[in-house]
Amino acid sequence: MKLADLSTGPDWMVYVVFVILATFSIVLISGHGGWLIAGYNTVSEEEKRKYNEKKLCRITGIGMSIIAILTLIMGLFEDVLPAFFAYIAAGVILIDVVVIIVLSNTICKR
């Protein structure tokens, strides 16, 4: 069973998701777009001063770019990849999110 057998939607939707994720990750890696980070944009100014916003944006952007690249790989090679690659991708995304959370709470604090 291939990854394409699990796909139920149109193929172009994967590429639209990749473009959106890649655009957001570029904005974040450039150091702009703190408003895209959930939780950070709702805290008070006093709490925001405890974090280095540029580092926080870069870490979040790098993590999002990993997810975007994984999405692109799954879209391009869905006819070749086995179906269990979906579990591998979910594990990589979970590890990526945990690393983002840990790094944003350690090296991004002032």
C-alpha atoms as a PDB file:
ATOM      1  CA  MET A   1       0.000   0.000   0.000  1.00  0.00           C
ATOM      2  CA  LYS A   2       1.349   3.396  -1.007  1.00  0.00           C
ATOM      3  CA  LEU A   3       0.847   6.799   0.584  1.00  0.00           C
ATOM      4  CA  ALA A   4      -1.256   7.786  -2.438  1.00  0.00           C
ATOM      5  CA  ASP A   5      -3.799   5.119  -1.474  1.00  0.00           C
ATOM      6  CA  LEU A   6      -4.525   7.026   1.749  1.00  0.00           C
ATOM      7  CA  SER A   7      -4.972  10.336  -0.036  1.00  0.00           C
ATOM      8  CA  THR A   8      -8.595  11.353  -0.542  1.00  0.00           C
ATOM      9  CA  GLY A   9      -8.307  14.989  -1.587  1.00  0.00           C
ATOM     10  CA  PRO A  10      -6.969  16.691  -4.677  1.00  0.00           C
ATOM     11  CA  ASP A  11      -3.197  16.661  -5.171  1.00  0.00           C
ATOM     12  CA  TRP A  12      -2.954  20.431  -5.620  1.00  0.00           C
ATOM     13  CA  MET A  13      -4.116  20.958  -2.032  1.00  0.00           C
ATOM     14  CA  VAL A  14      -0.807  19.610  -0.700  1.00  0.00           C
ATOM     15  CA  TYR A  15       1.088  22.165  -2.757  1.00  0.00           C
ATOM     16  CA  VAL A  16      -1.137  25.011  -1.543  1.00  0.00           C
ATOM     17  CA  VAL A  17      -0.437  23.978   2.065  1.00  0.00           C
ATOM     18  CA  PHE A  18       3.295  23.839   1.283  1.00  0.00           C
ATOM     19  CA  VAL A  19       3.265  27.356  -0.212  1.00  0.00           C
ATOM     20  CA  ILE A  20       1.410  28.742   2.820  1.00  0.00           C
ATOM     21  CA  LEU A  21       3.772  27.055   5.295  1.00  0.00           C
ATOM     22  CA  ALA A  22       6.845  28.093   3.305  1.00  0.00           C
ATOM     23  CA  THR A  23       5.659  31.716   3.139  1.00  0.00           C
ATOM     24  CA  PHE A  24       5.027  31.863   6.884  1.00  0.00           C
ATOM     25  CA  SER A  25       8.374  30.236   7.631  1.00  0.00           C
ATOM     26  CA  ILE A  26      10.221  32.751   5.441  1.00  0.00           C
ATOM     27  CA  VAL A  27       8.482  35.615   7.249  1.00  0.00           C
ATOM     28  CA  LEU A  28       9.395  34.113  10.610  1.00  0.00           C
ATOM     29  CA  ILE A  29      12.997  33.279   9.703  1.00  0.00           C
ATOM     30  CA  SER A  30      13.501  36.879   8.611  1.00  0.00           C
ATOM     31  CA  GLY A  31      12.733  37.910  12.202  1.00  0.00           C
ATOM     32  CA  HIS A  32       9.383  39.497  11.432  1.00  0.00           C
ATOM     33  CA  GLY A  33       6.021  37.984  12.162  1.00  0.00           C
ATOM     34  CA  GLY A  34       5.925  37.622  15.912  1.00  0.00           C
ATOM     35  CA  TRP A  35       2.192  38.091  15.470  1.00  0.00           C
ATOM     36  CA  LEU A  36       2.099  34.644  13.807  1.00  0.00           C
ATOM     37  CA  ILE A  37       3.283  32.849  16.952  1.00  0.00           C
ATOM     38  CA  ALA A  38       0.316  31.628  18.956  1.00  0.00           C
ATOM     39  CA  GLY A  39       0.492  32.696  22.577  1.00  0.00           C
ATOM     40  CA  TYR A  40       3.250  35.227  22.037  1.00  0.00           C
ATOM     41  CA  ASN A  41       0.998  37.719  20.325  1.00  0.00           C
ATOM     42  CA  THR A  42      -1.519  37.655  23.204  1.00  0.00           C
ATOM     43  CA  VAL A  43       0.805  38.161  26.183  1.00  0.00           C
ATOM     44  CA  SER A  44       1.347  41.525  27.824  1.00  0.00           C
ATOM     45  CA  GLU A  45       4.199  43.827  26.857  1.00  0.00           C
ATOM     46  CA  GLU A  46       5.878  43.062  30.176  1.00  0.00           C
ATOM     47  CA  GLU A  47       5.905  39.342  29.372  1.00  0.00           C
ATOM     48  CA  LYS A  48       7.098  40.009  25.792  1.00  0.00           C
ATOM     49  CA  ARG A  49      10.151  41.812  27.151  1.00  0.00           C
ATOM     50  CA  LYS A  50      11.295  38.531  28.714  1.00  0.00           C
ATOM     51  CA  TYR A  51      11.833  36.991  25.251  1.00  0.00           C
ATOM     52  CA  ASN A  52      14.137  37.801  22.365  1.00  0.00           C
ATOM     53  CA  GLU A  53      11.573  38.163  19.585  1.00  0.00           C
ATOM     54  CA  LYS A  54      14.028  37.685  16.710  1.00  0.00           C
ATOM     55  CA  LYS A  55      15.331  34.390  18.134  1.00  0.00           C
ATOM     56  CA  LEU A  56      11.797  33.238  18.864  1.00  0.00           C
ATOM     57  CA  CYS A  57      10.721  34.014  15.302  1.00  0.00           C
ATOM     58  CA  ARG A  58      13.740  32.244  13.821  1.00  0.00           C
ATOM     59  CA  ILE A  59      13.285  29.096  15.887  1.00  0.00           C
ATOM     60  CA  THR A  60       9.594  28.944  15.046  1.00  0.00           C
ATOM     61  CA  GLY A  61      10.333  29.627  11.371  1.00  0.00           C
ATOM     62  CA  ILE A  62      12.947  26.882  11.158  1.00  0.00           C
ATOM     63  CA  GLY A  63      10.573  24.428  12.802  1.00  0.00           C
ATOM     64  CA  MET A  64       7.802  25.412  10.418  1.00  0.00           C
ATOM     65  CA  SER A  65      10.128  25.039   7.430  1.00  0.00           C
ATOM     66  CA  ILE A  66      10.877  21.451   8.498  1.00  0.00           C
ATOM     67  CA  ILE A  67       7.151  20.733   8.469  1.00  0.00           C
ATOM     68  CA  ALA A  68       6.786  22.490   5.087  1.00  0.00           C
ATOM     69  CA  ILE A  69       9.595  20.437   3.540  1.00  0.00           C
ATOM     70  CA  LEU A  70       8.093  17.242   4.939  1.00  0.00           C
ATOM     71  CA  THR A  71       4.740  18.205   3.407  1.00  0.00           C
ATOM     72  CA  LEU A  72       6.401  18.815   0.036  1.00  0.00           C
ATOM     73  CA  ILE A  73       8.193  15.444   0.182  1.00  0.00           C
ATOM     74  CA  MET A  74       4.938  13.681   0.948  1.00  0.00           C
ATOM     75  CA  GLY A  75       3.215  15.461  -1.928  1.00  0.00           C
ATOM     76  CA  LEU A  76       5.932  14.805  -4.488  1.00  0.00           C
ATOM     77  CA  PHE A  77       6.596  11.186  -3.603  1.00  0.00           C
ATOM     78  CA  GLU A  78       3.155   9.961  -2.582  1.00  0.00           C
ATOM     79  CA  ASP A  79       3.214   7.337  -5.356  1.00  0.00           C
ATOM     80  CA  VAL A  80       6.558   5.964  -4.145  1.00  0.00           C
ATOM     81  CA  LEU A  81       6.401   6.247  -0.352  1.00  0.00           C
ATOM     82  CA  PRO A  82       4.805   3.428   1.625  1.00  0.00           C
ATOM     83  CA  ALA A  83       1.678   4.127   3.650  1.00  0.00           C
ATOM     84  CA  PHE A  84       3.479   3.826   6.993  1.00  0.00           C
ATOM     85  CA  PHE A  85       5.431   6.966   6.078  1.00  0.00           C
ATOM     86  CA  ALA A  86       2.416   8.873   7.416  1.00  0.00           C
ATOM     87  CA  TYR A  87       3.326   7.589  10.882  1.00  0.00           C
ATOM     88  CA  ILE A  88       6.949   8.568  10.372  1.00  0.00           C
ATOM     89  CA  ALA A  89       5.878  12.061   9.293  1.00  0.00           C
ATOM     90  CA  ALA A  90       3.611  12.393  12.326  1.00  0.00           C
ATOM     91  CA  GLY A  91       6.509  11.383  14.587  1.00  0.00           C
ATOM     92  CA  VAL A  92       8.854  13.890  12.959  1.00  0.00           C
ATOM     93  CA  ILE A  93       6.267  16.664  13.351  1.00  0.00           C
ATOM     94  CA  LEU A  94       5.715  15.757  17.003  1.00  0.00           C
ATOM     95  CA  ILE A  95       9.453  15.797  17.726  1.00  0.00           C
ATOM     96  CA  ASP A  96       9.783  19.085  15.818  1.00  0.00           C
ATOM     97  CA  VAL A  97       7.051  20.726  17.891  1.00  0.00           C
ATOM     98  CA  VAL A  98       8.598  19.524  21.159  1.00  0.00           C
ATOM     99  CA  VAL A  99      12.005  20.889  20.105  1.00  0.00           C
ATOM    100  CA  ILE A 100      10.435  24.243  19.165  1.00  0.00           C
ATOM    101  CA  ILE A 101       8.733  24.481  22.557  1.00  0.00           C
ATOM    102  CA  VAL A 102      11.888  23.564  24.476  1.00  0.00           C
ATOM    103  CA  LEU A 103      14.129  25.938  22.526  1.00  0.00           C
ATOM    104  CA  SER A 104      11.673  28.816  22.690  1.00  0.00           C
ATOM    105  CA  ASN A 105      11.472  28.468  26.468  1.00  0.00           C
ATOM    106  CA  THR A 106      15.239  28.179  26.992  1.00  0.00           C
ATOM    107  CA  ILE A 107      17.442  30.058  24.540  1.00  0.00           C
ATOM    108  CA  CYS A 108      14.877  32.691  23.581  1.00  0.00           C
ATOM    109  CA  LYS A 109      14.543  34.046  27.116  1.00  0.00           C
ATOM    110  CA  ARG A 110      16.622  37.066  27.979  1.00  0.00           C
END
